[in-house]
């Protein structure tokens, strides 16, 4: 399946629009990751634990979106957008949403 942020796919014609598809993932940050990220915040540098959590959440949201598109009979998703939101009382959860338009191309 082709997944792209553009509204068309070079060399392909869009034959049918199936509809908007979403993939949503809410991921919690555990105490250990939160603690090590806090140390990074104090001493500087990148937070590898948060970065890995974000990468995994984004990957899972994209996979979920692709699964929904496939279920609609699409072979591509165009106009993909990925959004991030921090949730929870302590801001210890992240929501990643991937959305796009499921289409059939030639």
N, C-alpha and C. Protein backbone atom coordinates (compact mmCIF):
# COMPACT_ATOMS: atom_id res chain seq x y z
N UNK A 1 0.84 -1.18 0.00
CA UNK A 1 0.00 0.00 0.00
C UNK A 1 0.89 1.24 0.00
N UNK A 2 0.53 2.18 -0.86
CA UNK A 2 1.25 3.46 -0.92
C UNK A 2 0.64 4.40 0.11
N UNK A 3 1.48 5.01 0.92
CA UNK A 3 1.05 5.99 1.91
C UNK A 3 1.88 7.24 1.70
N UNK A 4 1.20 8.37 1.48
CA UNK A 4 1.92 9.60 1.16
C UNK A 4 1.22 10.82 1.76
N UNK A 5 2.01 11.86 2.01
CA UNK A 5 1.45 13.11 2.51
C UNK A 5 0.91 13.98 1.38
N UNK A 6 1.24 13.64 0.15
CA UNK A 6 0.77 14.43 -0.99
C UNK A 6 -0.67 14.05 -1.33
N UNK A 7 -1.32 14.89 -2.13
CA UNK A 7 -2.71 14.65 -2.50
C UNK A 7 -2.86 13.87 -3.79
N UNK A 8 -1.74 13.47 -4.37
CA UNK A 8 -1.77 12.61 -5.54
C UNK A 8 -0.51 11.76 -5.54
N UNK A 9 -0.48 10.78 -6.41
CA UNK A 9 0.67 9.90 -6.51
C UNK A 9 1.17 9.97 -7.94
N UNK A 10 2.40 10.44 -8.11
CA UNK A 10 2.96 10.62 -9.44
C UNK A 10 2.91 9.30 -10.22
N UNK A 11 2.39 9.38 -11.44
CA UNK A 11 2.30 8.21 -12.31
C UNK A 11 1.08 7.34 -12.06
N UNK A 12 0.24 7.72 -11.11
CA UNK A 12 -0.97 6.95 -10.79
C UNK A 12 -2.19 7.84 -10.92
N UNK A 13 -3.27 7.23 -11.34
CA UNK A 13 -4.55 7.94 -11.38
C UNK A 13 -5.40 7.46 -10.21
N UNK A 14 -6.06 8.39 -9.55
CA UNK A 14 -6.98 8.01 -8.49
C UNK A 14 -8.30 7.64 -9.15
N UNK A 15 -8.70 6.39 -8.97
CA UNK A 15 -9.91 5.87 -9.59
C UNK A 15 -11.13 5.99 -8.68
N UNK A 16 -10.88 5.95 -7.37
CA UNK A 16 -12.01 5.97 -6.43
C UNK A 16 -11.54 6.47 -5.07
N UNK A 17 -12.36 7.32 -4.47
CA UNK A 17 -12.11 7.78 -3.12
C UNK A 17 -12.96 6.94 -2.18
N UNK A 18 -12.32 6.28 -1.23
CA UNK A 18 -13.04 5.38 -0.31
C UNK A 18 -13.48 6.10 0.96
N UNK A 19 -12.76 7.12 1.35
CA UNK A 19 -13.13 7.87 2.55
C UNK A 19 -11.93 8.16 3.43
N UNK A 20 -12.19 8.87 4.51
CA UNK A 20 -11.14 9.24 5.45
C UNK A 20 -10.86 8.06 6.39
N UNK A 21 -9.60 7.82 6.64
CA UNK A 21 -9.20 6.76 7.56
C UNK A 21 -8.32 7.34 8.66
N UNK A 22 -8.41 6.72 9.82
CA UNK A 22 -7.64 7.16 10.98
C UNK A 22 -6.92 5.98 11.61
N UNK A 23 -5.83 6.27 12.25
CA UNK A 23 -5.17 5.34 13.13
C UNK A 23 -4.81 6.11 14.38
N UNK A 24 -5.26 5.62 15.52
CA UNK A 24 -5.05 6.35 16.76
C UNK A 24 -4.41 5.44 17.80
N UNK A 25 -3.43 5.97 18.47
CA UNK A 25 -2.72 5.22 19.51
C UNK A 25 -2.53 6.14 20.71
N UNK A 26 -2.86 5.62 21.88
CA UNK A 26 -2.57 6.34 23.13
C UNK A 26 -1.56 5.50 23.88
N UNK A 27 -0.44 6.11 24.18
CA UNK A 27 0.67 5.39 24.80
C UNK A 27 1.03 6.06 26.12
N UNK A 28 1.15 5.26 27.15
CA UNK A 28 1.52 5.77 28.46
C UNK A 28 3.03 5.73 28.66
N UNK A 29 3.54 6.70 29.36
CA UNK A 29 4.96 6.75 29.70
C UNK A 29 5.09 6.23 31.13
N UNK A 30 5.86 5.18 31.31
CA UNK A 30 5.98 4.60 32.65
C UNK A 30 6.95 5.39 33.52
N UNK A 31 6.98 5.04 34.78
CA UNK A 31 7.77 5.77 35.78
C UNK A 31 9.26 5.81 35.41
N UNK A 32 9.81 4.69 34.96
CA UNK A 32 11.24 4.62 34.65
C UNK A 32 11.58 5.57 33.50
N UNK A 33 10.78 5.53 32.42
CA UNK A 33 11.03 6.43 31.29
C UNK A 33 10.89 7.88 31.72
N UNK A 34 9.87 8.15 32.54
CA UNK A 34 9.65 9.51 33.01
C UNK A 34 10.83 9.99 33.88
N UNK A 35 11.34 9.11 34.72
CA UNK A 35 12.46 9.45 35.59
C UNK A 35 13.72 9.74 34.77
N UNK A 36 14.05 8.85 33.82
CA UNK A 36 15.26 9.05 33.01
C UNK A 36 15.13 10.29 32.12
N UNK A 37 13.91 10.55 31.64
CA UNK A 37 13.71 11.77 30.84
C UNK A 37 13.90 13.01 31.70
N UNK A 38 13.49 12.91 32.98
CA UNK A 38 13.69 14.03 33.90
C UNK A 38 15.16 14.31 34.12
N UNK A 39 15.97 13.26 34.21
CA UNK A 39 17.42 13.44 34.35
C UNK A 39 18.00 14.10 33.10
N UNK A 40 17.52 13.68 31.94
CA UNK A 40 17.99 14.28 30.69
C UNK A 40 17.63 15.76 30.66
N UNK A 41 16.45 16.09 31.17
CA UNK A 41 16.01 17.47 31.21
C UNK A 41 16.94 18.31 32.10
N UNK A 42 17.40 17.72 33.19
CA UNK A 42 18.29 18.43 34.11
C UNK A 42 19.68 18.61 33.51
N UNK A 43 20.22 17.52 32.95
CA UNK A 43 21.61 17.52 32.48
C UNK A 43 21.75 17.84 30.99
N UNK A 44 20.66 17.89 30.29
CA UNK A 44 20.70 18.19 28.86
C UNK A 44 20.83 16.94 28.01
N UNK A 45 20.59 17.08 26.73
CA UNK A 45 20.68 15.97 25.80
C UNK A 45 19.32 15.51 25.32
N UNK A 46 19.34 14.43 24.57
CA UNK A 46 18.11 13.87 24.01
C UNK A 46 17.58 12.77 24.91
N UNK A 47 16.26 12.65 24.93
CA UNK A 47 15.63 11.60 25.74
C UNK A 47 15.32 10.41 24.84
N UNK A 48 16.22 9.45 24.85
CA UNK A 48 16.05 8.26 24.01
C UNK A 48 14.81 7.46 24.35
N UNK A 49 14.44 7.40 25.63
CA UNK A 49 13.26 6.63 26.03
C UNK A 49 11.99 7.27 25.48
N UNK A 50 11.88 8.59 25.56
CA UNK A 50 10.71 9.27 25.00
C UNK A 50 10.71 9.17 23.48
N UNK A 51 11.87 9.32 22.87
CA UNK A 51 11.94 9.24 21.41
C UNK A 51 11.48 7.87 20.91
N UNK A 52 11.92 6.81 21.58
CA UNK A 52 11.53 5.47 21.16
C UNK A 52 10.03 5.26 21.35
N UNK A 53 9.48 5.78 22.42
CA UNK A 53 8.04 5.67 22.67
C UNK A 53 7.26 6.40 21.58
N UNK A 54 7.73 7.56 21.19
CA UNK A 54 7.08 8.34 20.14
C UNK A 54 7.18 7.66 18.79
N UNK A 55 8.35 7.12 18.47
CA UNK A 55 8.54 6.40 17.20
C UNK A 55 7.60 5.21 17.13
N UNK A 56 7.51 4.44 18.21
CA UNK A 56 6.65 3.25 18.23
C UNK A 56 5.18 3.64 18.11
N UNK A 57 4.77 4.70 18.81
CA UNK A 57 3.38 5.15 18.75
C UNK A 57 3.03 5.62 17.34
N UNK A 58 3.94 6.35 16.70
CA UNK A 58 3.69 6.82 15.33
C UNK A 58 3.58 5.64 14.37
N UNK A 59 4.48 4.68 14.49
CA UNK A 59 4.45 3.48 13.64
C UNK A 59 3.13 2.73 13.82
N UNK A 60 2.69 2.55 15.07
CA UNK A 60 1.45 1.84 15.33
C UNK A 60 0.24 2.58 14.77
N UNK A 61 0.23 3.91 14.87
CA UNK A 61 -0.88 4.70 14.32
C UNK A 61 -0.94 4.56 12.80
N UNK A 62 0.23 4.58 12.16
CA UNK A 62 0.27 4.42 10.70
C UNK A 62 -0.22 3.02 10.30
N UNK A 63 0.20 2.00 11.04
CA UNK A 63 -0.24 0.63 10.76
C UNK A 63 -1.75 0.50 10.91
N UNK A 64 -2.31 1.12 11.95
CA UNK A 64 -3.74 1.08 12.19
C UNK A 64 -4.50 1.77 11.05
N UNK A 65 -3.99 2.92 10.60
CA UNK A 65 -4.62 3.63 9.49
C UNK A 65 -4.58 2.78 8.22
N UNK A 66 -3.44 2.16 7.95
CA UNK A 66 -3.30 1.31 6.78
C UNK A 66 -4.27 0.14 6.84
N UNK A 67 -4.43 -0.45 8.00
CA UNK A 67 -5.35 -1.58 8.17
C UNK A 67 -6.79 -1.17 7.84
N UNK A 68 -7.19 0.02 8.30
CA UNK A 68 -8.54 0.51 8.01
C UNK A 68 -8.72 0.77 6.51
N UNK A 69 -7.71 1.34 5.88
CA UNK A 69 -7.78 1.61 4.44
C UNK A 69 -7.90 0.30 3.66
N UNK A 70 -7.11 -0.67 4.04
CA UNK A 70 -7.15 -1.98 3.38
C UNK A 70 -8.54 -2.60 3.53
N UNK A 71 -9.13 -2.47 4.70
CA UNK A 71 -10.46 -2.98 4.95
C UNK A 71 -11.54 -2.32 4.11
N UNK A 72 -11.28 -1.11 3.65
CA UNK A 72 -12.22 -0.39 2.79
C UNK A 72 -12.00 -0.73 1.31
N UNK A 73 -10.97 -1.51 1.02
CA UNK A 73 -10.67 -1.87 -0.36
C UNK A 73 -9.72 -0.91 -1.05
N UNK A 74 -9.03 -0.08 -0.30
CA UNK A 74 -8.10 0.90 -0.88
C UNK A 74 -6.73 0.26 -1.10
N UNK A 75 -5.98 0.85 -2.03
CA UNK A 75 -4.59 0.41 -2.21
C UNK A 75 -3.60 1.55 -1.97
N UNK A 76 -4.11 2.68 -1.47
CA UNK A 76 -3.25 3.82 -1.14
C UNK A 76 -3.97 4.73 -0.17
N UNK A 77 -3.18 5.52 0.56
CA UNK A 77 -3.71 6.56 1.43
C UNK A 77 -2.96 7.84 1.09
N UNK A 78 -3.70 8.88 0.74
CA UNK A 78 -3.09 10.15 0.35
C UNK A 78 -3.41 11.22 1.39
N UNK A 79 -2.66 12.32 1.33
CA UNK A 79 -2.92 13.46 2.22
C UNK A 79 -2.74 13.11 3.69
N UNK A 80 -1.79 12.26 4.00
CA UNK A 80 -1.61 11.80 5.37
C UNK A 80 -1.09 12.92 6.26
N UNK A 81 -1.68 13.00 7.44
CA UNK A 81 -1.29 13.97 8.45
C UNK A 81 -1.13 13.23 9.77
N UNK A 82 -0.11 13.57 10.53
CA UNK A 82 0.11 12.95 11.83
C UNK A 82 0.08 14.05 12.88
N UNK A 83 -0.75 13.82 13.90
CA UNK A 83 -0.90 14.78 14.99
C UNK A 83 -0.51 14.13 16.31
N UNK A 84 -0.03 14.95 17.23
CA UNK A 84 0.41 14.50 18.54
C UNK A 84 -0.31 15.32 19.60
N UNK A 85 -0.68 14.66 20.69
CA UNK A 85 -1.34 15.34 21.80
C UNK A 85 -0.87 14.70 23.11
N UNK A 86 -0.60 15.51 24.10
CA UNK A 86 -0.24 15.02 25.43
C UNK A 86 -1.50 14.95 26.27
N UNK A 87 -1.70 13.82 26.93
CA UNK A 87 -2.90 13.59 27.73
C UNK A 87 -2.53 13.19 29.15
N UNK A 88 -3.54 13.13 30.01
CA UNK A 88 -3.35 12.67 31.38
C UNK A 88 -3.07 13.82 32.32
N UNK A 89 -3.36 13.60 33.59
CA UNK A 89 -3.16 14.64 34.60
C UNK A 89 -1.73 15.11 34.66
N UNK A 90 -0.79 14.18 34.63
CA UNK A 90 0.61 14.54 34.70
C UNK A 90 1.27 14.66 33.34
N UNK A 91 0.48 14.64 32.29
CA UNK A 91 1.04 14.70 30.94
C UNK A 91 1.87 13.48 30.61
N UNK A 92 1.49 12.33 31.20
CA UNK A 92 2.29 11.12 31.03
C UNK A 92 1.75 10.17 29.97
N UNK A 93 0.87 10.66 29.12
CA UNK A 93 0.36 9.87 28.01
C UNK A 93 0.46 10.70 26.74
N UNK A 94 0.71 10.01 25.65
CA UNK A 94 0.76 10.69 24.37
C UNK A 94 -0.22 10.01 23.42
N UNK A 95 -0.95 10.83 22.68
CA UNK A 95 -1.85 10.31 21.66
C UNK A 95 -1.28 10.69 20.30
N UNK A 96 -1.16 9.71 19.44
CA UNK A 96 -0.70 9.94 18.07
C UNK A 96 -1.85 9.55 17.15
N UNK A 97 -2.23 10.46 16.27
CA UNK A 97 -3.30 10.22 15.31
C UNK A 97 -2.75 10.38 13.90
N UNK A 98 -2.94 9.35 13.09
CA UNK A 98 -2.59 9.42 11.67
C UNK A 98 -3.91 9.42 10.89
N UNK A 99 -4.05 10.34 9.95
CA UNK A 99 -5.27 10.39 9.16
C UNK A 99 -4.92 10.67 7.70
N UNK A 100 -5.79 10.22 6.82
CA UNK A 100 -5.60 10.44 5.40
C UNK A 100 -6.84 9.99 4.64
N UNK A 101 -6.76 10.06 3.33
CA UNK A 101 -7.87 9.64 2.48
C UNK A 101 -7.50 8.32 1.80
N UNK A 102 -8.34 7.32 2.03
CA UNK A 102 -8.14 6.02 1.40
C UNK A 102 -8.63 6.10 -0.04
N UNK A 103 -7.81 5.65 -0.99
CA UNK A 103 -8.16 5.71 -2.40
C UNK A 103 -7.77 4.41 -3.10
N UNK A 104 -8.35 4.25 -4.29
CA UNK A 104 -7.95 3.16 -5.19
C UNK A 104 -7.26 3.82 -6.39
N UNK A 105 -6.07 3.33 -6.70
CA UNK A 105 -5.33 3.86 -7.85
C UNK A 105 -5.16 2.76 -8.90
N UNK A 106 -4.78 3.18 -10.10
CA UNK A 106 -4.52 2.19 -11.15
C UNK A 106 -3.14 1.59 -11.03
